[in-house]
């Protein structure tokens, strides 16, 4: 499970960088429509972030407060 979470974390970073770079390129050259061509990257980013959120580990501290352990 940790290997899958590690892979998804790395893919989230890569897809985020692709989205940011496409947004910047689209800002400088709007006629190329870079943001229209990265829909697959954005969908994978959204799905992997949701999976990471659902599979996070939670531990209970001494006084009953929950602490998220990633």
PDB file of N, CA and C in Angstrom:
ATOM      1  N   UNK A   1       0.824  -1.193   0.000  1.00  0.00           N
ATOM      2  CA  UNK A   1       0.000   0.000   0.000  1.00  0.00           C
ATOM      3  C   UNK A   1       0.868   1.257   0.000  1.00  0.00           C
ATOM      4  N   UNK A   2       2.000   1.201   0.695  1.00  0.00           N
ATOM      5  CA  UNK A   2       2.875   2.373   0.731  1.00  0.00           C
ATOM      6  C   UNK A   2       3.487   2.654  -0.633  1.00  0.00           C
ATOM      7  N   UNK A   3       3.753   1.589  -1.412  1.00  0.00           N
ATOM      8  CA  UNK A   3       4.323   1.801  -2.742  1.00  0.00           C
ATOM      9  C   UNK A   3       3.299   2.466  -3.661  1.00  0.00           C
ATOM     10  N   UNK A   4       2.046   2.067  -3.533  1.00  0.00           N
ATOM     11  CA  UNK A   4       0.994   2.678  -4.353  1.00  0.00           C
ATOM     12  C   UNK A   4       0.817   4.139  -3.967  1.00  0.00           C
ATOM     13  N   UNK A   5       0.812   4.423  -2.650  1.00  0.00           N
ATOM     14  CA  UNK A   5       0.685   5.810  -2.198  1.00  0.00           C
ATOM     15  C   UNK A   5       1.879   6.640  -2.650  1.00  0.00           C
ATOM     16  N   UNK A   6       3.080   6.060  -2.623  1.00  0.00           N
ATOM     17  CA  UNK A   6       4.264   6.773  -3.101  1.00  0.00           C
ATOM     18  C   UNK A   6       4.182   7.079  -4.584  1.00  0.00           C
ATOM     19  N   UNK A   7       3.726   6.082  -5.364  1.00  0.00           N
ATOM     20  CA  UNK A   7       3.565   6.283  -6.802  1.00  0.00           C
ATOM     21  C   UNK A   7       2.533   7.367  -7.084  1.00  0.00           C
ATOM     22  N   UNK A   8       1.396   7.312  -6.383  1.00  0.00           N
ATOM     23  CA  UNK A   8       0.356   8.324  -6.593  1.00  0.00           C
ATOM     24  C   UNK A   8       0.834   9.712  -6.178  1.00  0.00           C
ATOM     25  N   UNK A   9       1.618   9.790  -5.115  1.00  0.00           N
ATOM     26  CA  UNK A   9       2.152  11.091  -4.690  1.00  0.00           C
ATOM     27  C   UNK A   9       3.057  11.685  -5.764  1.00  0.00           C
ATOM     28  N   UNK A  10       3.925  10.853  -6.326  1.00  0.00           N
ATOM     29  CA  UNK A  10       4.812  11.340  -7.371  1.00  0.00           C
ATOM     30  C   UNK A  10       4.034  11.743  -8.627  1.00  0.00           C
ATOM     31  N   UNK A  11       3.025  10.965  -8.967  1.00  0.00           N
ATOM     32  CA  UNK A  11       2.229  11.305 -10.132  1.00  0.00           C
ATOM     33  C   UNK A  11       1.427  12.588  -9.915  1.00  0.00           C
ATOM     34  N   UNK A  12       0.997  12.839  -8.688  1.00  0.00           N
ATOM     35  CA  UNK A  12       0.296  14.093  -8.382  1.00  0.00           C
ATOM     36  C   UNK A  12       1.208  15.287  -8.614  1.00  0.00           C
ATOM     37  N   UNK A  13       2.458  15.163  -8.193  1.00  0.00           N
ATOM     38  CA  UNK A  13       3.409  16.260  -8.385  1.00  0.00           C
ATOM     39  C   UNK A  13       3.658  16.480  -9.870  1.00  0.00           C
ATOM     40  N   UNK A  14       3.852  15.397 -10.614  1.00  0.00           N
ATOM     41  CA  UNK A  14       4.120  15.514 -12.053  1.00  0.00           C
ATOM     42  C   UNK A  14       2.922  16.131 -12.775  1.00  0.00           C
ATOM     43  N   UNK A  15       1.715  15.650 -12.490  1.00  0.00           N
ATOM     44  CA  UNK A  15       0.522  16.194 -13.152  1.00  0.00           C
ATOM     45  C   UNK A  15       0.275  17.643 -12.764  1.00  0.00           C
ATOM     46  N   UNK A  16       0.592  18.003 -11.529  1.00  0.00           N
ATOM     47  CA  UNK A  16       0.446  19.404 -11.114  1.00  0.00           C
ATOM     48  C   UNK A  16       1.411  20.299 -11.880  1.00  0.00           C
ATOM     49  N   UNK A  17       2.653  19.848 -12.034  1.00  0.00           N
ATOM     50  CA  UNK A  17       3.623  20.644 -12.787  1.00  0.00           C
ATOM     51  C   UNK A  17       3.220  20.767 -14.248  1.00  0.00           C
ATOM     52  N   UNK A  18       2.705  19.701 -14.834  1.00  0.00           N
ATOM     53  CA  UNK A  18       2.236  19.763 -16.221  1.00  0.00           C
ATOM     54  C   UNK A  18       1.092  20.769 -16.342  1.00  0.00           C
ATOM     55  N   UNK A  19       0.178  20.752 -15.390  1.00  0.00           N
ATOM     56  CA  UNK A  19      -0.953  21.682 -15.436  1.00  0.00           C
ATOM     57  C   UNK A  19      -0.499  23.125 -15.285  1.00  0.00           C
ATOM     58  N   UNK A  20       0.434  23.367 -14.377  1.00  0.00           N
ATOM     59  CA  UNK A  20       0.943  24.728 -14.169  1.00  0.00           C
ATOM     60  C   UNK A  20       1.684  25.227 -15.401  1.00  0.00           C
ATOM     61  N   UNK A  21       2.519  24.381 -15.992  1.00  0.00           N
ATOM     62  CA  UNK A  21       3.279  24.780 -17.176  1.00  0.00           C
ATOM     63  C   UNK A  21       2.338  25.035 -18.351  1.00  0.00           C
ATOM     64  N   UNK A  22       1.325  24.186 -18.517  1.00  0.00           N
ATOM     65  CA  UNK A  22       0.367  24.400 -19.606  1.00  0.00           C
ATOM     66  C   UNK A  22      -0.407  25.692 -19.404  1.00  0.00           C
ATOM     67  N   UNK A  23      -0.751  26.000 -18.157  1.00  0.00           N
ATOM     68  CA  UNK A  23      -1.480  27.248 -17.876  1.00  0.00           C
ATOM     69  C   UNK A  23      -0.604  28.456 -18.214  1.00  0.00           C
ATOM     70  N   UNK A  24       0.685  28.391 -17.866  1.00  0.00           N
ATOM     71  CA  UNK A  24       1.591  29.508 -18.169  1.00  0.00           C
ATOM     72  C   UNK A  24       1.776  29.652 -19.676  1.00  0.00           C
ATOM     73  N   UNK A  25       1.980  28.516 -20.376  1.00  0.00           N
ATOM     74  CA  UNK A  25       2.137  28.584 -21.829  1.00  0.00           C
ATOM     75  C   UNK A  25       0.872  29.084 -22.501  1.00  0.00           C
ATOM     76  N   UNK A  26      -0.265  28.706 -21.981  1.00  0.00           N
ATOM     77  CA  UNK A  26      -1.531  29.172 -22.539  1.00  0.00           C
ATOM     78  C   UNK A  26      -1.739  30.657 -22.279  1.00  0.00           C
ATOM     79  N   UNK A  27      -1.190  31.144 -21.182  1.00  0.00           N
ATOM     80  CA  UNK A  27      -1.299  32.568 -20.875  1.00  0.00           C
ATOM     81  C   UNK A  27      -0.483  33.394 -21.878  1.00  0.00           C
ATOM     82  N   UNK A  28       0.712  32.895 -22.234  1.00  0.00           N
ATOM     83  CA  UNK A  28       1.550  33.627 -23.178  1.00  0.00           C
ATOM     84  C   UNK A  28       1.129  33.428 -24.627  1.00  0.00           C
ATOM     85  N   UNK A  29       0.563  32.256 -24.948  1.00  0.00           N
ATOM     86  CA  UNK A  29       0.157  31.979 -26.323  1.00  0.00           C
ATOM     87  C   UNK A  29      -1.217  31.307 -26.308  1.00  0.00           C
ATOM     88  N   UNK A  30      -2.293  32.083 -26.208  1.00  0.00           N
ATOM     89  CA  UNK A  30      -3.623  31.481 -26.060  1.00  0.00           C
ATOM     90  C   UNK A  30      -4.132  30.761 -27.306  1.00  0.00           C
ATOM     91  N   UNK A  31      -3.531  30.994 -28.455  1.00  0.00           N
ATOM     92  CA  UNK A  31      -4.010  30.367 -29.678  1.00  0.00           C
ATOM     93  C   UNK A  31      -3.606  28.894 -29.790  1.00  0.00           C
ATOM     94  N   UNK A  32      -2.634  28.452 -29.023  1.00  0.00           N
ATOM     95  CA  UNK A  32      -2.195  27.052 -29.078  1.00  0.00           C
ATOM     96  C   UNK A  32      -3.093  26.138 -28.254  1.00  0.00           C
ATOM     97  N   UNK A  33      -3.850  26.668 -27.299  1.00  0.00           N
ATOM     98  CA  UNK A  33      -4.796  25.912 -26.479  1.00  0.00           C
ATOM     99  C   UNK A  33      -4.121  24.746 -25.754  1.00  0.00           C
ATOM    100  N   UNK A  34      -3.094  25.066 -24.972  1.00  0.00           N
ATOM    101  CA  UNK A  34      -2.387  24.032 -24.214  1.00  0.00           C
ATOM    102  C   UNK A  34      -3.267  23.412 -23.138  1.00  0.00           C
ATOM    103  N   UNK A  35      -4.101  24.214 -22.485  1.00  0.00           N
ATOM    104  CA  UNK A  35      -4.930  23.664 -21.412  1.00  0.00           C
ATOM    105  C   UNK A  35      -6.022  22.739 -21.949  1.00  0.00           C
ATOM    106  N   UNK A  36      -6.372  22.852 -23.197  1.00  0.00           N
ATOM    107  CA  UNK A  36      -7.356  21.965 -23.786  1.00  0.00           C
ATOM    108  C   UNK A  36      -6.807  20.579 -24.102  1.00  0.00           C
ATOM    109  N   UNK A  37      -5.477  20.445 -24.140  1.00  0.00           N
ATOM    110  CA  UNK A  37      -4.851  19.178 -24.507  1.00  0.00           C
ATOM    111  C   UNK A  37      -4.379  18.359 -23.315  1.00  0.00           C
ATOM    112  N   UNK A  38      -4.549  18.862 -22.101  1.00  0.00           N
ATOM    113  CA  UNK A  38      -4.048  18.125 -20.934  1.00  0.00           C
ATOM    114  C   UNK A  38      -5.184  17.618 -20.047  1.00  0.00           C
ATOM    115  N   UNK A  39      -6.337  17.375 -20.620  1.00  0.00           N
ATOM    116  CA  UNK A  39      -7.491  16.906 -19.850  1.00  0.00           C
ATOM    117  C   UNK A  39      -7.231  15.579 -19.154  1.00  0.00           C
ATOM    118  N   UNK A  40      -6.508  14.681 -19.799  1.00  0.00           N
ATOM    119  CA  UNK A  40      -6.190  13.386 -19.191  1.00  0.00           C
ATOM    120  C   UNK A  40      -5.305  13.521 -17.963  1.00  0.00           C
ATOM    121  N   UNK A  41      -4.330  14.410 -18.041  1.00  0.00           N
ATOM    122  CA  UNK A  41      -3.457  14.652 -16.891  1.00  0.00           C
ATOM    123  C   UNK A  41      -4.246  15.214 -15.717  1.00  0.00           C
ATOM    124  N   UNK A  42      -5.162  16.124 -16.010  1.00  0.00           N
ATOM    125  CA  UNK A  42      -5.945  16.726 -14.938  1.00  0.00           C
ATOM    126  C   UNK A  42      -6.900  15.724 -14.309  1.00  0.00           C
ATOM    127  N   UNK A  43      -7.512  14.866 -15.106  1.00  0.00           N
ATOM    128  CA  UNK A  43      -8.404  13.840 -14.549  1.00  0.00           C
ATOM    129  C   UNK A  43      -7.631  12.861 -13.676  1.00  0.00           C
ATOM    130  N   UNK A  44      -6.430  12.465 -14.127  1.00  0.00           N
ATOM    131  CA  UNK A  44      -5.614  11.566 -13.316  1.00  0.00           C
ATOM    132  C   UNK A  44      -5.204  12.244 -12.016  1.00  0.00           C
ATOM    133  N   UNK A  45      -4.908  13.539 -12.085  1.00  0.00           N
ATOM    134  CA  UNK A  45      -4.550  14.288 -10.885  1.00  0.00           C
ATOM    135  C   UNK A  45      -5.702  14.309  -9.899  1.00  0.00           C
ATOM    136  N   UNK A  46      -6.911  14.586 -10.367  1.00  0.00           N
ATOM    137  CA  UNK A  46      -8.071  14.646  -9.477  1.00  0.00           C
ATOM    138  C   UNK A  46      -8.356  13.291  -8.837  1.00  0.00           C
ATOM    139  N   UNK A  47      -8.310  12.230  -9.636  1.00  0.00           N
ATOM    140  CA  UNK A  47      -8.605  10.893  -9.115  1.00  0.00           C
ATOM    141  C   UNK A  47      -7.542  10.451  -8.111  1.00  0.00           C
ATOM    142  N   UNK A  48      -6.266  10.695  -8.419  1.00  0.00           N
ATOM    143  CA  UNK A  48      -5.209  10.255  -7.511  1.00  0.00           C
ATOM    144  C   UNK A  48      -5.218  11.051  -6.203  1.00  0.00           C
ATOM    145  N   UNK A  49      -5.571  12.314  -6.244  1.00  0.00           N
ATOM    146  CA  UNK A  49      -5.671  13.090  -5.005  1.00  0.00           C
ATOM    147  C   UNK A  49      -6.818  12.571  -4.141  1.00  0.00           C
ATOM    148  N   UNK A  50      -7.931  12.211  -4.765  1.00  0.00           N
ATOM    149  CA  UNK A  50      -9.048  11.657  -3.992  1.00  0.00           C
ATOM    150  C   UNK A  50      -8.680  10.304  -3.389  1.00  0.00           C
ATOM    151  N   UNK A  51      -7.980   9.460  -4.138  1.00  0.00           N
ATOM    152  CA  UNK A  51      -7.555   8.161  -3.605  1.00  0.00           C
ATOM    153  C   UNK A  51      -6.596   8.353  -2.441  1.00  0.00           C
ATOM    154  N   UNK A  52      -5.659   9.286  -2.574  1.00  0.00           N
ATOM    155  CA  UNK A  52      -4.728   9.556  -1.473  1.00  0.00           C
ATOM    156  C   UNK A  52      -5.467  10.065  -0.241  1.00  0.00           C
ATOM    157  N   UNK A  53      -6.493  10.867  -0.449  1.00  0.00           N
ATOM    158  CA  UNK A  53      -7.272  11.376   0.684  1.00  0.00           C
ATOM    159  C   UNK A  53      -8.049  10.285   1.392  1.00  0.00           C
ATOM    160  N   UNK A  54      -8.587   9.333   0.632  1.00  0.00           N
ATOM    161  CA  UNK A  54      -9.373   8.262   1.232  1.00  0.00           C
ATOM    162  C   UNK A  54      -8.511   7.204   1.913  1.00  0.00           C
ATOM    163  N   UNK A  55      -7.259   7.062   1.502  1.00  0.00           N
ATOM    164  CA  UNK A  55      -6.411   6.002   2.044  1.00  0.00           C
ATOM    165  C   UNK A  55      -5.404   6.501   3.069  1.00  0.00           C
ATOM    166  N   UNK A  56      -5.581   7.708   3.557  1.00  0.00           N
ATOM    167  CA  UNK A  56      -4.623   8.213   4.544  1.00  0.00           C
ATOM    168  C   UNK A  56      -4.768   7.456   5.859  1.00  0.00           C
ATOM    169  N   UNK A  57      -3.679   7.414   6.603  1.00  0.00           N
ATOM    170  CA  UNK A  57      -3.672   6.714   7.884  1.00  0.00           C
ATOM    171  C   UNK A  57      -3.936   7.721   8.998  1.00  0.00           C
ATOM    172  N   UNK A  58      -4.725   7.305   9.977  1.00  0.00           N
ATOM    173  CA  UNK A  58      -4.980   8.174  11.123  1.00  0.00           C
ATOM    174  C   UNK A  58      -4.584   7.431  12.386  1.00  0.00           C
ATOM    175  N   UNK A  59      -3.894   8.135  13.259  1.00  0.00           N
ATOM    176  CA  UNK A  59      -3.538   7.570  14.553  1.00  0.00           C
ATOM    177  C   UNK A  59      -4.172   8.417  15.644  1.00  0.00           C
ATOM    178  N   UNK A  60      -4.406   7.808  16.783  1.00  0.00           N
ATOM    179  CA  UNK A  60      -5.022   8.515  17.899  1.00  0.00           C
ATOM    180  C   UNK A  60      -3.934   8.857  18.905  1.00  0.00           C
ATOM    181  N   UNK A  61      -3.863  10.135  19.288  1.00  0.00           N
ATOM    182  CA  UNK A  61      -2.890  10.550  20.292  1.00  0.00           C
ATOM    183  C   UNK A  61      -3.425  10.290  21.692  1.00  0.00           C
ATOM    184  N   UNK A  62      -2.687  10.692  22.691  1.00  0.00           N
ATOM    185  CA  UNK A  62      -3.024  10.387  24.075  1.00  0.00           C
ATOM    186  C   UNK A  62      -4.340  10.984  24.538  1.00  0.00           C
ATOM    187  N   UNK A  63      -4.643  12.183  24.174  1.00  0.00           N
ATOM    188  CA  UNK A  63      -5.808  12.862  24.701  1.00  0.00           C
ATOM    189  C   UNK A  63      -7.004  12.762  23.767  1.00  0.00           C
ATOM    190  N   UNK A  64      -7.020  11.770  22.903  1.00  0.00           N
ATOM    191  CA  UNK A  64      -8.180  11.534  22.052  1.00  0.00           C
ATOM    192  C   UNK A  64      -8.223  12.341  20.781  1.00  0.00           C
ATOM    193  N   UNK A  65      -7.233  13.185  20.548  1.00  0.00           N
ATOM    194  CA  UNK A  65      -7.203  13.951  19.312  1.00  0.00           C
ATOM    195  C   UNK A  65      -6.625  13.076  18.217  1.00  0.00           C
ATOM    196  N   UNK A  66      -7.135  13.254  17.029  1.00  0.00           N
ATOM    197  CA  UNK A  66      -6.618  12.482  15.905  1.00  0.00           C
ATOM    198  C   UNK A  66      -5.494  13.252  15.225  1.00  0.00           C
ATOM    199  N   UNK A  67      -4.497  12.517  14.821  1.00  0.00           N
ATOM    200  CA  UNK A  67      -3.379  13.102  14.109  1.00  0.00           C
ATOM    201  C   UNK A  67      -3.219  12.334  12.806  1.00  0.00           C
ATOM    202  N   UNK A  68      -3.136  13.038  11.721  1.00  0.00           N
ATOM    203  CA  UNK A  68      -3.012  12.397  10.417  1.00  0.00           C
ATOM    204  C   UNK A  68      -1.558  11.986  10.212  1.00  0.00           C
ATOM    205  N   UNK A  69      -1.356  10.727   9.910  1.00  0.00           N
ATOM    206  CA  UNK A  69      -0.004  10.214   9.661  1.00  0.00           C
ATOM    207  C   UNK A  69       0.055   9.784   8.210  1.00  0.00           C
ATOM    208  N   UNK A  70       0.849  10.500   7.418  1.00  0.00           N
ATOM    209  CA  UNK A  70       0.930  10.205   5.988  1.00  0.00           C
ATOM    210  C   UNK A  70       2.149   9.391   5.691  1.00  0.00           C
TER     211      UNK A  70
END
